[in-house]
Amino acid sequence: MSPQNQSYLAQQIALGRASCAEAWQVLRQKGPSKITFWFIALLVGIAAGFAALFFRKGVNWLQQTLYGTDDVQHLHTFISGLEWYWIILIPTVGGLVTGLILHHFTRDARARSVADVIVGSALHDGRVEGRAGIASALASMVTLGTGGSSGREGPVVHLAAVISTWINRRMNADGITGRDLLGCAVAAAVSASFNAPIAGALFALEVVLRHFAVHAFAPIVIASVAGTVINRLEFDGMTEFALPTTGELQFYVELPAFLLLGLTCGIVAAALMRAVFWADDIGNHIQSRTNLPRYLRPMVAGAMLGTIALWFPHIIGVGYETTSLALTGELALHEATVFAVLKVIAVAITLGGRMGGGIFSPSLMLGALVGLAFGLIATGIFPDVSGSTSLYALAGMGAVAAAVLGAPISTTLIVFELTGDWQTGLAVMVAVSMSTALGSRLVNRSFFLTQIERRGIHLAAGPQAYLLAMFSAAKTMRPMDHPRAADEARCWEMIGEGLYIDAAATLEIAIPIFEKTGAQFLPVVMLSADAAPPELLGALFHVDALRAYNRALAATAAEEHS
C-alpha cells in the first residue's frame, strides 16, 4: 500500500473513532433516539434472556449434582428414595451457604427480589443495587438448587434489573429512559424463564413500571421477544406444563362455580402472603431474642424444610412435578389438600428464613392444588353439569398467582402460555378477576406492594403518596445565602421552640408539619451526635415543597400518558 493510501486510511479510521466518540457523548448527554433505544432494548433483552437461562441451568445443575438425578422435573419422586440424612443435610448446608453469601455481600442479609425492582423503578430512576443483586441471585440459586421451596422468577427479575442498571449508569440515562430499559430487562427475563413473551411484556408494564405508556410498549415487546427466542433455542418452545386434553366448560351453568373458586383462591392467596409475613416477623423476633447470627437463619430454615421433606418431599424445590400432577388430575382430594397446606408452610419457612427465591412459582403450585381440590368437590356434587377437574386446577393456578402478584392481566396470559391451552379462557378470567378483587382487599394490593409497605414506602397508594419521600429537605431548602432566604433570627427562634426539620428528612415528614402549624417555612438543621447545638443550614419553604411535589406529579402523569 502506498504512503498516500496509508495516510488516507489512517484519516478515515481517526474520523470513524471521532464520530463514535461524539455519538457516545450525545447518547450520554441527551439520551438515545427512538431507533437507537430499540436497538439497545434488543441488546438488553438478549443479555437478560441469557442471564435467566444461565440461572435456570445453574439451578438444574445444582439439583442434578446434589440430589443425583438427571430429571429435575421429577425431583420429589427421586428424593423419596434417598437416605434420610441427605434429605435433611442438603437444604441445611444450602441454607448456610446462602446465609454466608447474603451476610457478606448485602447490608441486611436479605435477598433482593421483585419488590426491590419495583422500588428501583418508582424511586431510583430504574436503578437497583448491583453488588447486592448479584449476591442475591447467587444465594437464590443455591437455595433453589438445594431444595428451597420458592421460585426462580424473583431472583431472575432482579438479576435482569442489575444488567439494565449497569447500562443505565453507562448511558447516564434519565428517569424515563432508565425505567423503560428496566422494563425491557424484566420482560426479557420473565419471557426467557417461562417461554411467555406476551405475559413477559405485560408483567413488566403491569407489575414493575405500573403503567401502560405507549412509548414503553415497543421496546419492551422487542426485549420480551428476544428473551423468548433464547428460551426456545434451548428448550425448543416447549410449554412448562402439558395438559392431557382441552378442558370442557359447561358455560352458563358452571360459571358460578368458577366465581366461587375465584373467591376461595383470593382467600388462599391472602393466607399465603400473610403466612410469609408472619414467618418473617417470627424469625425477626426469635433472631433478636436469641442473638442468632444472621447467616445462620437460612440454615435453620433449611433444616426445617429438610425435616418436613422426610415425609412430604413434594415441598422441595419449585414444585413443577406436583403442579403437573394437579393439572392432570392425578392427585386425590386429601393429597391435594394436604400438599396445599404444607406448601404454604414450606414457602413461609423459606422466605421467612431469608433463603431467597420468588413467590410466583409456589403460588402456581398452590393454586393448582386448591383448584384441583375444589374441582373434585364440585364435580362430585354436580357430576352432570361439571367439566374436568383439570380445568378447575388451571383456573385455580391462575387465580392464586394473580392475587399474589396483583397482576390479573399478565398472570392470565402467563397461565395460557405455560400450558398452551387457550380454549378455557372464560373460566380462568372469571376466577382470576374474583380472586384479585378479594385478595387485593385483604393485603396492600399484592405481595410485592405489601412487602414494600412493610418497609415504610407507600407505593400501593400511588404517586401522590410516595413522591414526597423522593425529595429531601436539604435539596429543596433555600440556603442562608439565598437571595430570598428566611430571616436567620426567626429561624433560631423556631429552633428554640422545637419547630425545625432535619436535613436528611423528606417532604413526607415536612408537609404534615406545614399543615399542622401553618408555618410558611421550617428551619433545616444538621443535628450532631453529641450534645452540640444544631447547625442551621437553611429553610424549607412551604411553597417550594409544594412546587417540587407538583412538578413530580406532572412529570409522572406525563410519563404514564406518553
Protein backbone atom coordinates (compact mmCIF):
# COMPACT_ATOMS: atom_id res chain seq x y z
CA MET A 1 0.00 0.00 0.00
CA SER A 2 1.35 3.42 -0.95
CA PRO A 3 2.08 6.07 1.70
CA GLN A 4 -0.75 8.16 0.28
CA ASN A 5 -3.29 5.33 0.69
CA GLN A 6 -1.99 4.59 4.20
CA SER A 7 -2.44 8.23 5.14
CA TYR A 8 -5.98 8.26 3.74
CA LEU A 9 -6.87 5.05 5.63
CA ALA A 10 -5.48 6.46 8.87
CA GLN A 11 -7.58 9.60 8.39
CA GLN A 12 -10.75 7.56 7.85
CA ILE A 13 -10.08 5.45 10.95
CA ALA A 14 -9.46 8.56 13.02
CA LEU A 15 -12.64 10.13 11.63
CA GLY A 16 -14.63 6.99 12.46
CA ARG A 17 -13.28 6.93 16.02
CA ALA A 18 -14.13 10.61 16.46
CA SER A 19 -17.67 10.00 15.17
CA CYS A 20 -18.16 7.08 17.57
CA ALA A 21 -16.85 9.16 20.47
CA GLU A 22 -19.16 12.04 19.54
CA ALA A 23 -22.15 9.68 19.25
CA TRP A 24 -21.37 8.21 22.67
CA GLN A 25 -21.23 11.69 24.21
CA VAL A 26 -24.56 12.60 22.64
CA LEU A 27 -26.02 9.33 23.93
CA ARG A 28 -24.80 10.06 27.45
CA GLN A 29 -25.85 13.71 27.49
CA LYS A 30 -29.11 13.75 25.50
CA GLY A 31 -30.23 10.13 25.66
CA PRO A 32 -30.81 7.73 22.78
CA SER A 33 -33.15 8.35 19.87
CA LYS A 34 -36.16 6.09 19.44
CA ILE A 35 -34.49 3.77 16.92
CA THR A 36 -31.27 3.69 18.92
CA PHE A 37 -33.21 2.87 22.07
CA TRP A 38 -34.97 -0.01 20.35
CA PHE A 39 -31.59 -1.42 19.40
CA ILE A 40 -30.40 -1.01 23.00
CA ALA A 41 -33.61 -2.71 24.17
CA LEU A 42 -32.80 -5.66 21.92
CA LEU A 43 -29.32 -5.96 23.39
CA VAL A 44 -30.68 -5.69 26.93
CA GLY A 45 -33.28 -8.33 26.12
CA ILE A 46 -30.62 -10.70 24.84
CA ALA A 47 -28.43 -10.13 27.90
CA ALA A 48 -31.33 -10.55 30.34
CA GLY A 49 -32.55 -13.61 28.47
CA PHE A 50 -29.18 -15.30 28.73
CA ALA A 51 -28.96 -14.34 32.42
CA ALA A 52 -32.33 -16.01 33.04
CA LEU A 53 -31.26 -19.07 31.05
CA PHE A 54 -27.97 -19.41 32.93
CA PHE A 55 -29.78 -19.03 36.24
CA ARG A 56 -32.21 -21.79 35.35
CA LYS A 57 -29.41 -24.04 34.09
CA GLY A 58 -27.44 -23.32 37.27
CA VAL A 59 -30.35 -24.38 39.48
CA ASN A 60 -30.83 -27.54 37.43
CA TRP A 61 -27.12 -28.36 37.63
CA LEU A 62 -27.08 -27.96 41.40
CA GLN A 63 -30.13 -30.20 41.79
CA GLN A 64 -28.67 -32.84 39.50
CA THR A 65 -25.31 -32.74 41.27
CA LEU A 66 -26.51 -32.66 44.87
CA TYR A 67 -29.51 -34.95 44.58
CA GLY A 68 -28.01 -37.19 41.90
CA THR A 69 -30.94 -37.10 39.49
CA ASP A 70 -30.97 -36.50 35.74
CA ASP A 71 -34.62 -35.40 35.68
CA VAL A 72 -35.16 -32.33 37.84
CA GLN A 73 -38.79 -32.13 36.69
CA HIS A 74 -39.45 -35.25 38.83
CA LEU A 75 -37.24 -34.27 41.74
CA HIS A 76 -39.61 -35.18 44.57
CA THR A 77 -40.08 -38.71 43.24
CA PHE A 78 -36.32 -39.23 43.28
CA ILE A 79 -35.90 -37.67 46.74
CA SER A 80 -38.29 -40.24 48.18
CA GLY A 81 -35.59 -42.90 47.66
CA LEU A 82 -32.72 -41.00 49.30
CA GLU A 83 -31.34 -41.71 52.75
CA TRP A 84 -32.98 -39.58 55.41
CA TYR A 85 -29.81 -37.74 56.40
CA TRP A 86 -29.24 -36.49 52.82
CA ILE A 87 -32.77 -35.12 52.70
CA ILE A 88 -32.06 -33.01 55.80
CA LEU A 89 -28.39 -32.26 55.16
CA ILE A 90 -28.64 -30.82 51.63
CA PRO A 91 -31.11 -27.96 52.36
CA THR A 92 -29.40 -27.30 55.71
CA VAL A 93 -25.97 -26.82 54.13
CA GLY A 94 -27.59 -24.90 51.30
CA GLY A 95 -29.16 -22.56 53.83
CA LEU A 96 -25.77 -22.00 55.49
CA VAL A 97 -24.12 -21.16 52.18
CA THR A 98 -27.00 -18.82 51.34
CA GLY A 99 -26.70 -17.11 54.71
CA LEU A 100 -22.96 -16.58 54.34
CA ILE A 101 -23.35 -15.08 50.86
CA LEU A 102 -26.05 -12.65 51.96
CA HIS A 103 -24.22 -11.83 55.20
CA HIS A 104 -21.04 -10.77 53.44
CA PHE A 105 -22.44 -9.09 50.32
CA THR A 106 -25.65 -7.36 51.45
CA ARG A 107 -26.14 -4.81 54.19
CA ASP A 108 -29.18 -6.53 55.72
CA ALA A 109 -28.66 -10.23 54.83
CA ARG A 110 -31.83 -10.16 52.72
CA ALA A 111 -32.13 -11.48 49.18
CA ARG A 112 -33.33 -8.91 46.65
CA SER A 113 -36.36 -9.72 44.52
CA VAL A 114 -39.23 -8.19 42.55
CA ALA A 115 -40.22 -5.77 45.32
CA ASP A 116 -36.79 -4.14 45.14
CA VAL A 117 -37.10 -3.80 41.37
CA ILE A 118 -40.46 -2.05 41.79
CA VAL A 119 -38.89 0.36 44.30
CA GLY A 120 -35.99 0.95 41.92
CA SER A 121 -38.42 1.79 39.15
CA ALA A 122 -40.54 4.16 41.24
CA LEU A 123 -37.93 5.90 43.38
CA HIS A 124 -34.48 5.44 41.84
CA ASP A 125 -34.90 6.14 38.11
CA GLY A 126 -34.95 2.46 37.19
CA ARG A 127 -31.82 1.51 39.11
CA VAL A 128 -31.23 -1.25 41.67
CA GLU A 129 -28.31 -2.39 43.82
CA GLY A 130 -25.62 -4.11 41.79
CA ARG A 131 -23.47 -5.96 44.30
CA ALA A 132 -26.40 -6.99 46.49
CA GLY A 133 -28.34 -8.05 43.39
CA ILE A 134 -25.63 -10.37 42.10
CA ALA A 135 -25.16 -11.83 45.57
CA SER A 136 -28.91 -12.35 45.88
CA ALA A 137 -29.06 -14.18 42.55
CA LEU A 138 -26.23 -16.48 43.63
CA ALA A 139 -27.82 -17.07 47.03
CA SER A 140 -31.21 -17.80 45.47
CA MET A 141 -29.60 -20.20 43.01
CA VAL A 142 -28.13 -22.11 45.95
CA THR A 143 -31.48 -22.02 47.73
CA LEU A 144 -33.40 -23.46 44.79
CA GLY A 145 -30.64 -25.90 43.93
CA THR A 146 -30.59 -27.33 47.44
CA GLY A 147 -34.35 -27.64 47.89
CA GLY A 148 -35.69 -24.26 48.99
CA SER A 149 -39.44 -24.03 48.46
CA SER A 150 -39.60 -20.87 46.38
CA GLY A 151 -39.48 -19.79 42.73
CA ARG A 152 -36.90 -18.55 40.28
CA GLU A 153 -38.76 -15.51 38.89
CA GLY A 154 -37.84 -13.18 41.78
CA PRO A 155 -34.04 -13.51 41.54
CA VAL A 156 -34.18 -13.65 37.73
CA VAL A 157 -36.13 -10.38 37.54
CA HIS A 158 -33.71 -8.66 39.90
CA LEU A 159 -30.69 -10.04 38.06
CA ALA A 160 -32.08 -8.61 34.83
CA ALA A 161 -32.58 -5.29 36.62
CA VAL A 162 -28.90 -5.32 37.63
CA ILE A 163 -27.98 -5.63 33.94
CA SER A 164 -30.20 -2.71 32.95
CA THR A 165 -28.85 -0.65 35.85
CA TRP A 166 -25.28 -1.16 34.63
CA ILE A 167 -26.26 0.07 31.17
CA ASN A 168 -28.30 2.97 32.58
CA ARG A 169 -25.30 4.22 34.51
CA ARG A 170 -23.01 3.95 31.50
CA MET A 171 -25.54 5.92 29.44
CA ASN A 172 -26.26 8.40 32.23
CA ALA A 173 -29.93 7.69 31.44
CA ASP A 174 -32.67 9.94 32.79
CA GLY A 175 -35.62 8.61 34.78
CA ILE A 176 -37.91 7.74 31.87
CA THR A 177 -35.18 6.04 29.85
CA GLY A 178 -33.94 4.20 32.92
CA ARG A 179 -37.38 2.88 33.78
CA ASP A 180 -38.08 1.83 30.20
CA LEU A 181 -34.80 -0.04 30.00
CA LEU A 182 -35.57 -1.69 33.33
CA GLY A 183 -38.91 -2.81 31.92
CA CYS A 184 -37.14 -4.26 28.88
CA ALA A 185 -34.81 -6.31 31.06
CA VAL A 186 -37.64 -7.59 33.26
CA ALA A 187 -39.78 -8.55 30.27
CA ALA A 188 -36.93 -10.47 28.68
CA ALA A 189 -36.11 -12.29 31.92
CA VAL A 190 -39.71 -13.41 32.50
CA SER A 191 -40.10 -14.45 28.87
CA ALA A 192 -36.86 -16.43 28.88
CA SER A 193 -37.77 -18.11 32.17
CA PHE A 194 -41.28 -19.23 31.23
CA ASN A 195 -41.38 -19.11 27.41
CA ALA A 196 -44.13 -16.49 27.72
CA PRO A 197 -43.46 -13.45 25.51
CA ILE A 198 -46.89 -11.82 25.87
CA ALA A 199 -47.02 -12.27 29.63
CA GLY A 200 -43.39 -11.14 30.00
CA ALA A 201 -44.09 -7.83 28.31
CA LEU A 202 -47.29 -7.23 30.26
CA PHE A 203 -45.65 -8.27 33.56
CA ALA A 204 -43.04 -5.55 33.10
CA LEU A 205 -45.72 -2.96 32.39
CA GLU A 206 -48.32 -4.10 34.93
CA VAL A 207 -46.14 -5.06 37.90
CA VAL A 208 -42.80 -3.23 37.61
CA LEU A 209 -43.48 0.01 35.72
CA ARG A 210 -47.12 0.01 36.88
CA HIS A 211 -48.37 1.84 33.81
CA PHE A 212 -49.08 1.09 30.15
CA ALA A 213 -47.46 4.08 28.46
CA VAL A 214 -47.30 3.73 24.68
CA HIS A 215 -43.67 4.89 24.45
CA ALA A 216 -42.55 1.95 26.59
CA PHE A 217 -44.53 -0.73 24.79
CA ALA A 218 -42.47 -1.22 21.61
CA PRO A 219 -39.00 -1.59 23.23
CA ILE A 220 -40.39 -3.84 25.96
CA VAL A 221 -42.01 -6.11 23.36
CA ILE A 222 -38.72 -6.24 21.41
CA ALA A 223 -36.82 -7.28 24.54
CA SER A 224 -39.52 -9.79 25.50
CA VAL A 225 -39.34 -11.45 22.09
CA ALA A 226 -35.55 -11.62 22.37
CA GLY A 227 -35.83 -13.40 25.71
CA THR A 228 -38.36 -15.85 24.30
CA VAL A 229 -36.13 -16.70 21.34
CA ILE A 230 -33.32 -17.55 23.73
CA ASN A 231 -35.64 -19.86 25.69
CA ARG A 232 -36.88 -21.60 22.55
CA LEU A 233 -33.41 -22.10 21.14
CA GLU A 234 -32.60 -24.05 24.30
CA PHE A 235 -35.91 -25.75 25.09
CA ASP A 236 -37.49 -25.99 21.61
CA GLY A 237 -40.54 -23.91 22.54
CA MET A 238 -41.98 -26.49 24.90
CA THR A 239 -44.57 -25.33 27.45
CA GLU A 240 -43.81 -25.77 31.14
CA PHE A 241 -46.86 -27.95 31.74
CA ALA A 242 -48.72 -30.39 29.48
CA LEU A 243 -52.47 -30.81 29.88
CA PRO A 244 -53.96 -34.19 28.86
CA THR A 245 -56.97 -32.77 26.98
CA THR A 246 -58.64 -29.46 26.36
CA GLY A 247 -60.91 -28.60 29.25
CA GLU A 248 -64.64 -28.61 28.60
CA LEU A 249 -66.69 -25.86 30.21
CA GLN A 250 -70.46 -26.14 30.62
CA PHE A 251 -70.53 -22.38 30.11
CA TYR A 252 -73.53 -20.73 31.73
CA VAL A 253 -74.31 -23.41 34.29
CA GLU A 254 -70.75 -23.85 35.51
CA LEU A 255 -69.66 -20.20 35.69
CA PRO A 256 -70.94 -19.69 39.28
CA ALA A 257 -68.58 -22.45 40.38
CA PHE A 258 -65.63 -20.54 38.95
CA LEU A 259 -66.81 -17.36 40.65
CA LEU A 260 -66.77 -19.26 43.94
CA LEU A 261 -63.38 -20.76 43.06
CA GLY A 262 -62.02 -17.27 42.49
CA LEU A 263 -63.18 -16.11 45.92
CA THR A 264 -61.68 -19.23 47.50
CA CYS A 265 -58.38 -18.62 45.73
CA GLY A 266 -58.38 -14.99 46.88
CA ILE A 267 -58.61 -16.16 50.49
CA VAL A 268 -55.92 -18.80 49.94
CA ALA A 269 -53.62 -16.25 48.29
CA ALA A 270 -54.06 -13.87 51.23
CA ALA A 271 -53.32 -16.73 53.62
CA LEU A 272 -50.10 -17.50 51.74
CA MET A 273 -48.96 -13.88 51.81
CA ARG A 274 -49.82 -13.38 55.44
CA ALA A 275 -48.09 -16.64 56.35
CA VAL A 276 -44.87 -15.39 54.74
CA PHE A 277 -45.06 -12.04 56.55
CA TRP A 278 -45.92 -13.74 59.82
CA ALA A 279 -42.98 -16.14 59.43
CA ASP A 280 -40.67 -13.19 58.71
CA ASP A 281 -41.86 -11.38 61.85
CA ILE A 282 -41.46 -14.52 63.94
CA GLY A 283 -37.97 -15.04 62.51
CA ASN A 284 -37.01 -11.46 63.36
CA HIS A 285 -38.34 -11.86 66.89
CA ILE A 286 -36.51 -15.14 67.51
CA GLN A 287 -33.32 -13.81 65.98
CA SER A 288 -33.34 -10.74 68.22
CA ARG A 289 -34.23 -12.69 71.37
CA THR A 290 -31.63 -15.44 70.85
CA ASN A 291 -28.91 -13.28 69.23
CA LEU A 292 -28.78 -15.81 66.43
CA PRO A 293 -26.19 -14.72 63.83
CA ARG A 294 -28.00 -13.60 60.73
CA TYR A 295 -26.06 -16.00 58.50
CA LEU A 296 -27.47 -18.96 60.47
CA ARG A 297 -31.11 -18.01 59.94
CA PRO A 298 -31.33 -19.57 56.45
CA MET A 299 -29.59 -22.68 57.76
CA VAL A 300 -32.26 -23.17 60.42
CA ALA A 301 -34.94 -22.72 57.77
CA GLY A 302 -33.21 -25.27 55.55
CA ALA A 303 -33.11 -27.80 58.38
CA MET A 304 -36.85 -27.30 58.96
CA LEU A 305 -37.57 -27.85 55.25
CA GLY A 306 -35.45 -30.99 55.21
CA THR A 307 -37.30 -32.37 58.20
CA ILE A 308 -40.69 -31.82 56.57
CA ALA A 309 -39.39 -33.35 53.33
CA LEU A 310 -38.71 -36.65 55.10
CA TRP A 311 -42.45 -37.30 54.92
CA PHE A 312 -43.50 -34.87 52.21
CA PRO A 313 -40.77 -34.43 49.58
CA HIS A 314 -43.26 -32.52 47.39
CA ILE A 315 -42.29 -29.28 49.15
CA ILE A 316 -38.70 -29.44 47.91
CA GLY A 317 -37.79 -27.12 45.06
CA VAL A 318 -40.01 -25.19 42.68
CA GLY A 319 -42.65 -27.94 42.63
CA TYR A 320 -43.32 -28.39 38.91
CA GLU A 321 -43.90 -32.13 39.30
CA THR A 322 -46.66 -31.65 41.86
CA THR A 323 -48.16 -28.83 39.80
CA SER A 324 -48.26 -31.09 36.74
CA LEU A 325 -49.93 -33.85 38.76
CA ALA A 326 -52.57 -31.39 39.90
CA LEU A 327 -53.20 -30.06 36.39
CA THR A 328 -53.65 -33.58 35.05
CA GLY A 329 -55.95 -34.57 37.92
CA GLU A 330 -53.65 -37.34 39.21
CA LEU A 331 -53.99 -36.44 42.89
CA ALA A 332 -56.75 -37.43 45.28
CA LEU A 333 -58.71 -34.85 47.28
CA HIS A 334 -56.88 -35.49 50.55
CA GLU A 335 -53.48 -35.36 48.78
CA ALA A 336 -54.26 -32.04 47.12
CA THR A 337 -55.48 -30.56 50.40
CA VAL A 338 -52.52 -31.74 52.48
CA PHE A 339 -49.98 -30.72 49.86
CA ALA A 340 -51.55 -27.24 49.64
CA VAL A 341 -51.31 -26.69 53.39
CA LEU A 342 -47.74 -27.98 53.52
CA LYS A 343 -46.74 -25.80 50.56
CA VAL A 344 -47.91 -22.68 52.39
CA ILE A 345 -45.85 -23.73 55.42
CA ALA A 346 -42.78 -24.52 53.30
CA VAL A 347 -42.92 -21.22 51.40
CA ALA A 348 -43.32 -19.30 54.66
CA ILE A 349 -40.29 -21.08 56.14
CA THR A 350 -38.19 -20.46 53.01
CA LEU A 351 -38.96 -16.76 52.58
CA GLY A 352 -39.35 -16.03 56.29
CA GLY A 353 -35.99 -17.73 56.83
CA ARG A 354 -34.38 -15.31 54.35
CA MET A 355 -33.33 -18.11 51.98
CA GLY A 356 -34.19 -16.20 48.81
CA GLY A 357 -36.24 -17.03 45.75
CA GLY A 358 -39.55 -15.85 44.36
CA ILE A 359 -43.19 -16.47 45.17
CA PHE A 360 -44.71 -16.81 41.70
CA SER A 361 -43.92 -20.49 41.09
CA PRO A 362 -45.09 -21.54 44.59
CA SER A 363 -48.34 -19.64 44.00
CA LEU A 364 -48.84 -21.59 40.76
CA MET A 365 -48.41 -24.89 42.59
CA LEU A 366 -50.68 -23.82 45.44
CA GLY A 367 -53.33 -22.56 43.03
CA ALA A 368 -53.29 -25.78 41.02
CA LEU A 369 -53.72 -27.82 44.21
CA VAL A 370 -56.55 -25.63 45.51
CA GLY A 371 -58.24 -25.64 42.12
CA LEU A 372 -58.00 -29.43 41.88
CA ALA A 373 -59.43 -29.90 45.37
CA PHE A 374 -62.27 -27.50 44.57
CA GLY A 375 -62.89 -29.24 41.26
CA LEU A 376 -63.01 -32.69 42.84
CA ILE A 377 -65.65 -31.47 45.27
CA ALA A 378 -67.64 -29.59 42.59
CA THR A 379 -67.64 -32.43 40.06
CA GLY A 380 -68.51 -34.88 42.82
CA ILE A 381 -71.57 -32.89 43.86
CA PHE A 382 -72.72 -31.88 40.36
CA PRO A 383 -71.31 -34.53 38.00
CA ASP A 384 -73.83 -33.85 35.24
CA VAL A 385 -73.06 -30.14 34.79
CA SER A 386 -69.35 -30.04 35.56
CA GLY A 387 -66.30 -30.02 33.30
CA SER A 388 -62.98 -31.68 34.00
CA THR A 389 -61.06 -31.28 37.24
CA SER A 390 -58.05 -30.18 35.17
CA LEU A 391 -59.97 -27.06 34.18
CA TYR A 392 -60.54 -26.17 37.83
CA ALA A 393 -56.85 -26.76 38.57
CA LEU A 394 -55.86 -24.49 35.68
CA ALA A 395 -58.23 -21.74 36.79
CA GLY A 396 -57.09 -22.08 40.39
CA MET A 397 -53.46 -21.83 39.33
CA GLY A 398 -54.11 -18.53 37.61
CA ALA A 399 -56.38 -17.20 40.35
CA VAL A 400 -53.95 -17.66 43.25
CA ALA A 401 -50.97 -16.39 41.26
CA ALA A 402 -52.89 -13.31 40.07
CA ALA A 403 -53.94 -12.38 43.60
CA VAL A 404 -50.40 -12.84 44.92
CA LEU A 405 -48.78 -10.80 42.17
CA GLY A 406 -51.60 -8.27 41.90
CA ALA A 407 -51.34 -8.72 38.13
CA PRO A 408 -54.53 -10.21 36.69
CA ILE A 409 -53.74 -9.44 33.04
CA SER A 410 -50.21 -10.80 32.81
CA THR A 411 -50.98 -13.75 35.09
CA THR A 412 -53.96 -14.81 32.98
CA LEU A 413 -51.78 -14.75 29.90
CA ILE A 414 -48.84 -16.50 31.52
CA VAL A 415 -51.11 -19.37 32.59
CA PHE A 416 -52.21 -19.79 28.98
CA GLU A 417 -48.62 -19.65 27.73
CA LEU A 418 -47.35 -22.08 30.39
CA THR A 419 -49.95 -24.68 29.45
CA GLY A 420 -50.64 -23.93 25.81
CA ASP A 421 -54.40 -24.19 26.47
CA TRP A 422 -56.22 -21.13 25.08
CA GLN A 423 -59.68 -22.71 24.96
CA THR A 424 -60.56 -22.24 28.63
CA GLY A 425 -60.06 -18.51 28.85
CA LEU A 426 -63.52 -17.69 30.19
CA ALA A 427 -63.17 -19.89 33.26
CA VAL A 428 -59.68 -18.64 34.06
CA MET A 429 -60.65 -14.98 33.60
CA VAL A 430 -63.66 -15.29 35.88
CA ALA A 431 -61.65 -16.97 38.63
CA VAL A 432 -58.74 -14.52 38.26
CA SER A 433 -60.98 -11.45 38.42
CA MET A 434 -62.70 -12.58 41.61
CA SER A 435 -59.52 -13.68 43.37
CA THR A 436 -57.70 -10.45 42.52
CA ALA A 437 -60.61 -8.29 43.66
CA LEU A 438 -60.81 -10.09 47.00
CA GLY A 439 -57.09 -10.66 47.57
CA SER A 440 -56.21 -7.01 46.96
CA ARG A 441 -58.59 -6.02 49.77
CA LEU A 442 -57.01 -8.42 52.26
CA VAL A 443 -53.46 -7.09 51.71
CA ASN A 444 -51.96 -3.91 50.23
CA ARG A 445 -52.85 -4.72 46.63
CA SER A 446 -50.27 -7.53 46.20
CA PHE A 447 -47.48 -9.48 47.85
CA PHE A 448 -44.80 -7.14 46.48
CA LEU A 449 -46.58 -3.91 47.38
CA THR A 450 -47.27 -5.25 50.87
CA GLN A 451 -43.57 -6.07 51.23
CA ILE A 452 -42.76 -2.51 50.23
CA GLU A 453 -45.39 -1.08 52.58
CA ARG A 454 -43.83 -3.02 55.46
CA ARG A 455 -40.61 -1.12 54.76
CA GLY A 456 -42.42 2.19 55.17
CA ILE A 457 -42.64 3.00 51.44
CA HIS A 458 -46.19 3.77 50.35
CA LEU A 459 -46.18 2.71 46.70
CA ALA A 460 -49.55 0.98 46.90
CA ALA A 461 -51.32 4.32 47.40
CA GLY A 462 -49.95 5.74 44.15
CA PRO A 463 -47.55 8.57 43.18
CA GLN A 464 -49.35 11.11 45.34
CA ALA A 465 -48.22 9.13 48.39
CA TYR A 466 -44.67 8.06 47.59
CA LEU A 467 -43.35 11.01 45.58
CA LEU A 468 -42.97 13.12 48.73
CA ALA A 469 -40.38 10.63 50.01
CA MET A 470 -38.17 11.33 46.97
CA PHE A 471 -37.31 14.90 48.00
CA SER A 472 -35.05 15.63 50.94
CA ALA A 473 -35.27 18.85 52.89
CA ALA A 474 -31.59 19.58 52.15
CA LYS A 475 -32.17 19.54 48.37
CA THR A 476 -35.39 21.56 48.44
CA MET A 477 -34.50 24.21 51.02
CA ARG A 478 -33.21 27.74 50.46
CA PRO A 479 -29.72 28.06 51.99
CA MET A 480 -28.99 31.01 54.26
CA ASP A 481 -27.09 32.82 51.49
CA HIS A 482 -30.07 32.58 49.11
CA PRO A 483 -31.38 35.98 47.87
CA ARG A 484 -34.81 35.15 49.32
CA ALA A 485 -33.61 33.23 52.38
CA ALA A 486 -35.59 33.12 55.60
CA ASP A 487 -34.83 35.54 58.39
CA GLU A 488 -31.99 34.00 60.40
CA ALA A 489 -33.18 35.39 63.74
CA ARG A 490 -36.66 33.96 63.18
CA CYS A 491 -35.13 30.59 62.25
CA TRP A 492 -33.28 30.43 65.57
CA GLU A 493 -36.46 31.38 67.41
CA MET A 494 -38.29 28.48 65.73
CA ILE A 495 -35.42 26.12 66.56
CA GLY A 496 -35.73 27.16 70.19
CA GLU A 497 -39.44 26.34 70.01
CA GLY A 498 -38.64 22.91 68.61
CA LEU A 499 -40.09 23.78 65.20
CA TYR A 500 -37.46 22.61 62.71
CA ILE A 501 -36.62 19.71 60.41
CA ASP A 502 -33.51 17.60 59.97
CA ALA A 503 -31.64 17.95 56.68
CA ALA A 504 -31.98 14.23 55.99
CA ALA A 505 -35.77 14.31 56.39
CA THR A 506 -38.04 14.20 53.36
CA LEU A 507 -41.09 16.17 52.29
CA GLU A 508 -43.16 13.24 53.52
CA ILE A 509 -42.29 14.43 57.04
CA ALA A 510 -42.29 18.15 56.31
CA ILE A 511 -45.69 18.56 54.60
CA PRO A 512 -47.74 17.34 57.62
CA ILE A 513 -45.81 19.80 59.84
CA PHE A 514 -46.67 22.64 57.50
CA GLU A 515 -50.34 21.63 57.51
CA LYS A 516 -50.44 21.30 61.29
CA THR A 517 -48.61 24.52 62.21
CA GLY A 518 -49.47 26.78 59.27
CA ALA A 519 -45.83 27.92 59.13
CA GLN A 520 -44.52 29.45 55.91
CA PHE A 521 -41.11 27.85 56.33
CA LEU A 522 -39.22 25.44 58.57
CA PRO A 523 -35.56 25.81 59.58
CA VAL A 524 -33.40 22.98 58.22
CA VAL A 525 -30.66 21.91 60.61
CA MET A 526 -27.84 19.42 60.80
CA LEU A 527 -28.03 17.51 64.07
CA SER A 528 -24.81 16.28 65.66
CA ALA A 529 -24.35 13.02 67.52
CA ASP A 530 -23.18 14.72 70.71
CA ALA A 531 -24.89 17.45 72.70
CA ALA A 532 -23.63 20.22 70.41
CA PRO A 533 -26.28 22.70 69.21
CA PRO A 534 -27.76 22.11 65.75
CA GLU A 535 -26.20 23.77 62.71
CA LEU A 536 -28.57 25.97 60.73
CA LEU A 537 -28.32 25.15 57.01
CA GLY A 538 -31.29 26.99 55.58
CA ALA A 539 -35.08 26.97 55.50
CA LEU A 540 -37.62 24.83 53.70
CA PHE A 541 -40.47 26.98 52.43
CA HIS A 542 -43.94 25.51 52.12
CA VAL A 543 -44.36 26.94 48.63
CA ASP A 544 -41.06 25.38 47.47
CA ALA A 545 -42.08 21.98 48.81
CA LEU A 546 -45.44 22.15 47.04
CA ARG A 547 -43.80 23.32 43.82
CA ALA A 548 -41.38 20.38 43.83
CA TYR A 549 -44.23 17.98 44.57
CA ASN A 550 -46.41 19.39 41.78
CA ARG A 551 -43.56 19.14 39.27
CA ALA A 552 -43.01 15.49 40.22
CA LEU A 553 -46.71 14.71 39.87
CA ALA A 554 -46.83 16.41 36.47
CA ALA A 555 -43.75 14.51 35.28
CA THR A 556 -45.22 11.20 36.44
CA ALA A 557 -48.52 11.88 34.69
CA ALA A 558 -46.72 12.93 31.51
CA GLU A 559 -44.66 9.71 31.52
CA GLU A 560 -47.65 7.47 32.12
CA HIS A 561 -49.67 9.10 29.32
CA SER A 562 -46.94 9.49 26.73
